[in-house]
Amino acid sequence: MEAHVEPGAYKDVVLFLATAGVVVPLFRRWKVSPILGFLGAGVLLGPYGLGALAHEVSWLGALTIDNPQEVAQLAEFGVVFLLFMIGLELSWERLSRMRRFVFGLGALQVAIGMSVTGSVAMALGQPLAAAISIGAALALSSTAIVMPILTEQKRQHSLAGRATFSVLLFQDLAVAPILVTLTLLGRRGGDIASPNLFLAFAPAMVARARRRRDPAPP
């Protein structure tokens, strides 16, 4: 028995590809980053843009995204491929040369961003756990957005480009500890002094201490 494919089954995918085919050349002609075009198109064609009017104006349904989850899967694949390409270009020697930028400038940016944003959130009446969550979220930026812009402008190998990449790299490394901390804070009701919070990072601290004590192999 042959399977029948509904005409609208792939509408969102076709609209996604058609939007990419229009946004990229148009914004390149305007000398504007296509990333901004993709963000604007996503807001315009999404369920909270023209999609909110689709039930009142029937023809808008053909120009809007009906199932954002399907398009989100394509977007996630794109981010994975981009990070994979960045990983191919990042060698251990290059990371070793950039360690001061990564663990110095990157750590400073995340710490200041979390502190300032978290303090503002607490001043506006948020509890400590919520303020930490807000500060951690707003202290991070998107590698998938910043790196294509630097590459397009051919600035990834400049001093500013290397510093920016170092900050982005530290942010990517900080995601896992931040998620673990927020999860434990959520389970303990925002108790920062919980022993579980320190036990979660104990293996990493022990491994780092042993690495500093043991001499490097010849």
C-alpha atoms as a PDB file:
ATOM      1  CA  MET A   1       0.000   0.000   0.000  1.00  0.00           C
ATOM      2  CA  GLU A   2       1.507   3.289  -1.074  1.00  0.00           C
ATOM      3  CA  ALA A   3       1.805   6.059   1.465  1.00  0.00           C
ATOM      4  CA  HIS A   4       0.155   9.342   0.601  1.00  0.00           C
ATOM      5  CA  VAL A   5       2.003  12.545   1.408  1.00  0.00           C
ATOM      6  CA  GLU A   6      -0.120  15.540   2.275  1.00  0.00           C
ATOM      7  CA  PRO A   7       0.722  18.697   0.307  1.00  0.00           C
ATOM      8  CA  GLY A   8       1.233  20.738   3.472  1.00  0.00           C
ATOM      9  CA  ALA A   9       3.379  18.189   5.281  1.00  0.00           C
ATOM     10  CA  TYR A  10       6.641  19.891   4.251  1.00  0.00           C
ATOM     11  CA  LYS A  11       5.354  23.463   4.075  1.00  0.00           C
ATOM     12  CA  ASP A  12       7.412  24.657   7.020  1.00  0.00           C
ATOM     13  CA  VAL A  13      10.621  23.131   5.626  1.00  0.00           C
ATOM     14  CA  VAL A  14      10.014  24.619   2.167  1.00  0.00           C
ATOM     15  CA  LEU A  15       9.239  28.007   3.719  1.00  0.00           C
ATOM     16  CA  PHE A  16      12.419  27.729   5.806  1.00  0.00           C
ATOM     17  CA  LEU A  17      14.580  27.032   2.753  1.00  0.00           C
ATOM     18  CA  ALA A  18      12.843  29.699   0.665  1.00  0.00           C
ATOM     19  CA  THR A  19      13.399  32.278   3.402  1.00  0.00           C
ATOM     20  CA  ALA A  20      17.098  31.378   3.534  1.00  0.00           C
ATOM     21  CA  GLY A  21      17.329  31.752  -0.249  1.00  0.00           C
ATOM     22  CA  VAL A  22      15.822  35.238  -0.062  1.00  0.00           C
ATOM     23  CA  VAL A  23      17.450  36.554   3.132  1.00  0.00           C
ATOM     24  CA  VAL A  24      21.080  35.701   2.338  1.00  0.00           C
ATOM     25  CA  PRO A  25      21.456  37.438  -1.062  1.00  0.00           C
ATOM     26  CA  LEU A  26      19.209  40.341  -0.042  1.00  0.00           C
ATOM     27  CA  PHE A  27      21.107  41.182   3.128  1.00  0.00           C
ATOM     28  CA  ARG A  28      24.467  40.654   1.439  1.00  0.00           C
ATOM     29  CA  ARG A  29      23.397  43.176  -1.153  1.00  0.00           C
ATOM     30  CA  TRP A  30      22.548  45.597   1.653  1.00  0.00           C
ATOM     31  CA  LYS A  31      25.938  44.777   3.278  1.00  0.00           C
ATOM     32  CA  VAL A  32      24.222  43.615   6.450  1.00  0.00           C
ATOM     33  CA  SER A  33      24.909  40.335   8.226  1.00  0.00           C
ATOM     34  CA  PRO A  34      22.434  37.613   7.145  1.00  0.00           C
ATOM     35  CA  ILE A  35      22.253  36.549  10.794  1.00  0.00           C
ATOM     36  CA  LEU A  36      20.137  39.621  11.496  1.00  0.00           C
ATOM     37  CA  GLY A  37      17.961  38.720   8.547  1.00  0.00           C
ATOM     38  CA  PHE A  38      17.397  35.201   9.865  1.00  0.00           C
ATOM     39  CA  LEU A  39      16.488  36.540  13.304  1.00  0.00           C
ATOM     40  CA  GLY A  40      14.068  39.058  11.822  1.00  0.00           C
ATOM     41  CA  ALA A  41      12.517  36.486   9.507  1.00  0.00           C
ATOM     42  CA  GLY A  42      12.085  34.054  12.401  1.00  0.00           C
ATOM     43  CA  VAL A  43      10.243  36.663  14.446  1.00  0.00           C
ATOM     44  CA  LEU A  44       8.116  37.779  11.497  1.00  0.00           C
ATOM     45  CA  LEU A  45       7.130  34.333  10.243  1.00  0.00           C
ATOM     46  CA  GLY A  46       6.875  32.670  13.633  1.00  0.00           C
ATOM     47  CA  PRO A  47       3.748  31.925  15.671  1.00  0.00           C
ATOM     48  CA  TYR A  48       4.054  35.218  17.566  1.00  0.00           C
ATOM     49  CA  GLY A  49       4.478  37.325  14.412  1.00  0.00           C
ATOM     50  CA  LEU A  50       2.296  36.955  11.351  1.00  0.00           C
ATOM     51  CA  GLY A  51       1.341  33.510  12.636  1.00  0.00           C
ATOM     52  CA  ALA A  52      -0.764  35.165  15.346  1.00  0.00           C
ATOM     53  CA  LEU A  53      -2.916  36.699  12.587  1.00  0.00           C
ATOM     54  CA  ALA A  54      -3.207  33.545  10.488  1.00  0.00           C
ATOM     55  CA  HIS A  55      -6.530  32.536  12.039  1.00  0.00           C
ATOM     56  CA  GLU A  56      -8.005  35.908  11.032  1.00  0.00           C
ATOM     57  CA  VAL A  57      -6.345  36.294   7.611  1.00  0.00           C
ATOM     58  CA  SER A  58      -6.411  32.872   5.975  1.00  0.00           C
ATOM     59  CA  TRP A  59      -3.761  33.504   3.298  1.00  0.00           C
ATOM     60  CA  LEU A  60      -1.131  34.302   5.959  1.00  0.00           C
ATOM     61  CA  GLY A  61      -1.156  30.629   6.907  1.00  0.00           C
ATOM     62  CA  ALA A  62       0.825  29.829   3.754  1.00  0.00           C
ATOM     63  CA  LEU A  63       3.570  32.303   4.756  1.00  0.00           C
ATOM     64  CA  THR A  64       3.984  31.417   8.416  1.00  0.00           C
ATOM     65  CA  ILE A  65       5.477  28.547  10.401  1.00  0.00           C
ATOM     66  CA  ASP A  66       2.829  26.160  11.717  1.00  0.00           C
ATOM     67  CA  ASN A  67       5.119  23.781  13.618  1.00  0.00           C
ATOM     68  CA  PRO A  68       8.133  25.573  15.156  1.00  0.00           C
ATOM     69  CA  GLN A  69       9.429  22.276  16.609  1.00  0.00           C
ATOM     70  CA  GLU A  70      10.240  20.923  13.146  1.00  0.00           C
ATOM     71  CA  VAL A  71      12.135  24.063  12.154  1.00  0.00           C
ATOM     72  CA  ALA A  72      13.915  24.055  15.530  1.00  0.00           C
ATOM     73  CA  GLN A  73      15.410  20.676  14.658  1.00  0.00           C
ATOM     74  CA  LEU A  74      16.924  22.129  11.477  1.00  0.00           C
ATOM     75  CA  ALA A  75      18.273  25.070  13.452  1.00  0.00           C
ATOM     76  CA  GLU A  76      19.843  22.730  16.007  1.00  0.00           C
ATOM     77  CA  PHE A  77      21.557  20.777  13.238  1.00  0.00           C
ATOM     78  CA  GLY A  78      22.955  24.029  11.886  1.00  0.00           C
ATOM     79  CA  VAL A  79      24.358  24.995  15.287  1.00  0.00           C
ATOM     80  CA  VAL A  80      25.921  21.534  15.713  1.00  0.00           C
ATOM     81  CA  PHE A  81      27.611  21.736  12.294  1.00  0.00           C
ATOM     82  CA  LEU A  82      28.880  25.252  13.022  1.00  0.00           C
ATOM     83  CA  LEU A  83      30.391  24.209  16.364  1.00  0.00           C
ATOM     84  CA  PHE A  84      31.893  21.147  14.668  1.00  0.00           C
ATOM     85  CA  MET A  85      33.615  23.401  12.108  1.00  0.00           C
ATOM     86  CA  ILE A  86      34.910  25.635  14.901  1.00  0.00           C
ATOM     87  CA  GLY A  87      36.249  22.553  16.695  1.00  0.00           C
ATOM     88  CA  LEU A  88      38.110  21.455  13.566  1.00  0.00           C
ATOM     89  CA  GLU A  89      39.926  24.799  13.455  1.00  0.00           C
ATOM     90  CA  LEU A  90      40.774  24.756  17.184  1.00  0.00           C
ATOM     91  CA  SER A  91      43.964  22.814  17.837  1.00  0.00           C
ATOM     92  CA  TRP A  92      45.505  22.120  21.240  1.00  0.00           C
ATOM     93  CA  GLU A  93      48.460  24.382  20.424  1.00  0.00           C
ATOM     94  CA  ARG A  94      46.153  27.273  19.597  1.00  0.00           C
ATOM     95  CA  LEU A  95      44.143  26.720  22.764  1.00  0.00           C
ATOM     96  CA  SER A  96      47.360  26.649  24.792  1.00  0.00           C
ATOM     97  CA  ARG A  97      48.443  29.982  23.307  1.00  0.00           C
ATOM     98  CA  MET A  98      45.043  31.495  24.063  1.00  0.00           C
ATOM     99  CA  ARG A  99      44.740  30.166  27.621  1.00  0.00           C
ATOM    100  CA  ARG A 100      45.229  33.614  29.182  1.00  0.00           C
ATOM    101  CA  PHE A 101      42.446  35.045  27.055  1.00  0.00           C
ATOM    102  CA  VAL A 102      40.170  32.029  27.588  1.00  0.00           C
ATOM    103  CA  PHE A 103      40.572  31.550  31.336  1.00  0.00           C
ATOM    104  CA  GLY A 104      41.415  35.174  32.106  1.00  0.00           C
ATOM    105  CA  LEU A 105      39.324  37.462  29.927  1.00  0.00           C
ATOM    106  CA  GLY A 106      36.584  34.871  29.429  1.00  0.00           C
ATOM    107  CA  ALA A 107      36.240  34.124  33.139  1.00  0.00           C
ATOM    108  CA  LEU A 108      36.273  37.841  33.933  1.00  0.00           C
ATOM    109  CA  GLN A 109      33.500  38.556  31.429  1.00  0.00           C
ATOM    110  CA  VAL A 110      31.258  35.786  32.747  1.00  0.00           C
ATOM    111  CA  ALA A 111      31.894  36.746  36.394  1.00  0.00           C
ATOM    112  CA  ILE A 112      31.219  40.454  35.816  1.00  0.00           C
ATOM    113  CA  GLY A 113      28.190  39.754  33.641  1.00  0.00           C
ATOM    114  CA  MET A 114      26.653  37.405  36.212  1.00  0.00           C
ATOM    115  CA  SER A 115      27.428  39.749  39.107  1.00  0.00           C
ATOM    116  CA  VAL A 116      26.037  42.901  37.497  1.00  0.00           C
ATOM    117  CA  THR A 117      22.930  41.275  36.032  1.00  0.00           C
ATOM    118  CA  GLY A 118      22.253  39.223  39.156  1.00  0.00           C
ATOM    119  CA  SER A 119      22.604  42.318  41.354  1.00  0.00           C
ATOM    120  CA  VAL A 120      20.131  44.229  39.199  1.00  0.00           C
ATOM    121  CA  ALA A 121      17.701  41.299  39.378  1.00  0.00           C
ATOM    122  CA  MET A 122      17.992  41.184  43.185  1.00  0.00           C
ATOM    123  CA  ALA A 123      17.473  44.942  43.368  1.00  0.00           C
ATOM    124  CA  LEU A 124      14.237  44.453  41.408  1.00  0.00           C
ATOM    125  CA  GLY A 125      12.982  41.988  44.013  1.00  0.00           C
ATOM    126  CA  GLN A 126      14.079  38.607  42.654  1.00  0.00           C
ATOM    127  CA  PRO A 127      15.222  35.918  45.128  1.00  0.00           C
ATOM    128  CA  LEU A 128      18.857  34.872  45.161  1.00  0.00           C
ATOM    129  CA  ALA A 129      18.408  31.658  43.150  1.00  0.00           C
ATOM    130  CA  ALA A 130      16.366  33.445  40.476  1.00  0.00           C
ATOM    131  CA  ALA A 131      18.895  36.301  40.336  1.00  0.00           C
ATOM    132  CA  ILE A 132      21.735  33.818  39.804  1.00  0.00           C
ATOM    133  CA  SER A 133      19.763  32.107  37.039  1.00  0.00           C
ATOM    134  CA  ILE A 134      19.040  35.404  35.288  1.00  0.00           C
ATOM    135  CA  GLY A 135      22.648  36.547  35.636  1.00  0.00           C
ATOM    136  CA  ALA A 136      24.004  33.264  34.271  1.00  0.00           C
ATOM    137  CA  ALA A 137      21.648  33.336  31.289  1.00  0.00           C
ATOM    138  CA  LEU A 138      22.356  36.952  30.343  1.00  0.00           C
ATOM    139  CA  ALA A 139      26.127  36.628  30.868  1.00  0.00           C
ATOM    140  CA  LEU A 140      26.350  34.158  27.978  1.00  0.00           C
ATOM    141  CA  SER A 141      26.170  34.968  24.280  1.00  0.00           C
ATOM    142  CA  SER A 142      25.721  32.904  21.127  1.00  0.00           C
ATOM    143  CA  THR A 143      28.770  31.458  19.403  1.00  0.00           C
ATOM    144  CA  ALA A 144      26.535  30.513  16.479  1.00  0.00           C
ATOM    145  CA  ILE A 145      25.753  34.198  15.881  1.00  0.00           C
ATOM    146  CA  VAL A 146      29.020  35.944  16.750  1.00  0.00           C
ATOM    147  CA  MET A 147      31.473  33.662  14.944  1.00  0.00           C
ATOM    148  CA  PRO A 148      29.778  33.835  11.506  1.00  0.00           C
ATOM    149  CA  ILE A 149      29.802  37.633  11.783  1.00  0.00           C
ATOM    150  CA  LEU A 150      33.532  37.661  12.601  1.00  0.00           C
ATOM    151  CA  THR A 151      34.239  35.199   9.782  1.00  0.00           C
ATOM    152  CA  GLU A 152      32.216  37.214   7.310  1.00  0.00           C
ATOM    153  CA  GLN A 153      34.155  40.353   8.210  1.00  0.00           C
ATOM    154  CA  LYS A 154      37.452  38.371   8.154  1.00  0.00           C
ATOM    155  CA  ARG A 155      38.297  39.477  11.677  1.00  0.00           C
ATOM    156  CA  GLN A 156      38.542  36.071  13.355  1.00  0.00           C
ATOM    157  CA  HIS A 157      42.379  36.170  13.307  1.00  0.00           C
ATOM    158  CA  SER A 158      42.712  39.763  14.514  1.00  0.00           C
ATOM    159  CA  LEU A 159      43.413  40.629  18.155  1.00  0.00           C
ATOM    160  CA  ALA A 160      39.777  41.550  18.747  1.00  0.00           C
ATOM    161  CA  GLY A 161      38.641  38.393  16.966  1.00  0.00           C
ATOM    162  CA  ARG A 162      40.889  36.150  19.071  1.00  0.00           C
ATOM    163  CA  ALA A 163      39.740  37.856  22.266  1.00  0.00           C
ATOM    164  CA  THR A 164      36.105  37.475  21.256  1.00  0.00           C
ATOM    165  CA  PHE A 165      36.603  33.828  20.362  1.00  0.00           C
ATOM    166  CA  SER A 166      38.321  33.223  23.704  1.00  0.00           C
ATOM    167  CA  VAL A 167      35.401  34.717  25.603  1.00  0.00           C
ATOM    168  CA  LEU A 168      32.932  32.652  23.583  1.00  0.00           C
ATOM    169  CA  LEU A 169      34.963  29.512  24.191  1.00  0.00           C
ATOM    170  CA  PHE A 170      34.993  30.045  27.950  1.00  0.00           C
ATOM    171  CA  GLN A 171      31.244  30.661  27.862  1.00  0.00           C
ATOM    172  CA  ASP A 172      30.760  27.329  26.087  1.00  0.00           C
ATOM    173  CA  LEU A 173      32.924  25.616  28.716  1.00  0.00           C
ATOM    174  CA  ALA A 174      30.994  27.311  31.520  1.00  0.00           C
ATOM    175  CA  VAL A 175      27.599  26.079  30.317  1.00  0.00           C
ATOM    176  CA  ALA A 176      27.882  22.642  31.950  1.00  0.00           C
ATOM    177  CA  PRO A 177      28.947  23.918  35.431  1.00  0.00           C
ATOM    178  CA  ILE A 178      26.236  26.588  35.278  1.00  0.00           C
ATOM    179  CA  LEU A 179      23.551  24.029  34.414  1.00  0.00           C
ATOM    180  CA  VAL A 180      24.712  21.731  37.229  1.00  0.00           C
ATOM    181  CA  THR A 181      24.677  24.629  39.701  1.00  0.00           C
ATOM    182  CA  LEU A 182      21.223  25.808  38.651  1.00  0.00           C
ATOM    183  CA  THR A 183      19.842  22.274  38.848  1.00  0.00           C
ATOM    184  CA  LEU A 184      21.174  21.816  42.376  1.00  0.00           C
ATOM    185  CA  LEU A 185      19.901  25.248  43.401  1.00  0.00           C
ATOM    186  CA  GLY A 186      16.476  24.340  42.085  1.00  0.00           C
ATOM    187  CA  ARG A 187      16.427  21.071  44.044  1.00  0.00           C
ATOM    188  CA  ARG A 188      17.655  22.684  47.253  1.00  0.00           C
ATOM    189  CA  GLY A 189      15.374  25.709  46.996  1.00  0.00           C
ATOM    190  CA  GLY A 190      18.179  28.170  46.313  1.00  0.00           C
ATOM    191  CA  ASP A 191      20.465  27.097  49.152  1.00  0.00           C
ATOM    192  CA  ILE A 192      23.952  27.977  47.913  1.00  0.00           C
ATOM    193  CA  ALA A 193      25.575  26.488  51.021  1.00  0.00           C
ATOM    194  CA  SER A 194      24.166  23.047  50.247  1.00  0.00           C
ATOM    195  CA  PRO A 195      26.829  20.293  50.531  1.00  0.00           C
ATOM    196  CA  ASN A 196      25.524  18.712  47.331  1.00  0.00           C
ATOM    197  CA  LEU A 197      26.658  21.781  45.418  1.00  0.00           C
ATOM    198  CA  PHE A 198      30.254  21.312  46.542  1.00  0.00           C
ATOM    199  CA  LEU A 199      30.145  17.526  46.114  1.00  0.00           C
ATOM    200  CA  ALA A 200      29.098  17.998  42.478  1.00  0.00           C
ATOM    201  CA  PHE A 201      32.331  19.859  41.701  1.00  0.00           C
ATOM    202  CA  ALA A 202      34.591  17.870  44.029  1.00  0.00           C
ATOM    203  CA  PRO A 203      35.898  15.481  41.301  1.00  0.00           C
ATOM    204  CA  ALA A 204      36.840  18.383  39.053  1.00  0.00           C
ATOM    205  CA  MET A 205      38.634  20.234  41.876  1.00  0.00           C
ATOM    206  CA  VAL A 206      40.534  17.097  42.925  1.00  0.00           C
ATOM    207  CA  ALA A 207      41.589  16.390  39.344  1.00  0.00           C
ATOM    208  CA  ARG A 208      42.792  19.971  38.908  1.00  0.00           C
ATOM    209  CA  ALA A 209      44.763  19.830  42.161  1.00  0.00           C
ATOM    210  CA  ARG A 210      46.443  16.574  41.143  1.00  0.00           C
ATOM    211  CA  ARG A 211      47.295  18.012  37.744  1.00  0.00           C
ATOM    212  CA  ARG A 212      48.978  20.987  39.364  1.00  0.00           C
ATOM    213  CA  ARG A 213      50.932  18.762  41.800  1.00  0.00           C
ATOM    214  CA  ASP A 214      52.052  16.045  39.377  1.00  0.00           C
ATOM    215  CA  PRO A 215      54.831  17.046  36.959  1.00  0.00           C
ATOM    216  CA  ALA A 216      54.091  17.028  33.296  1.00  0.00           C
ATOM    217  CA  PRO A 217      55.439  13.998  31.359  1.00  0.00           C
ATOM    218  CA  PRO A 218      58.560  14.677  29.271  1.00  0.00           C
END
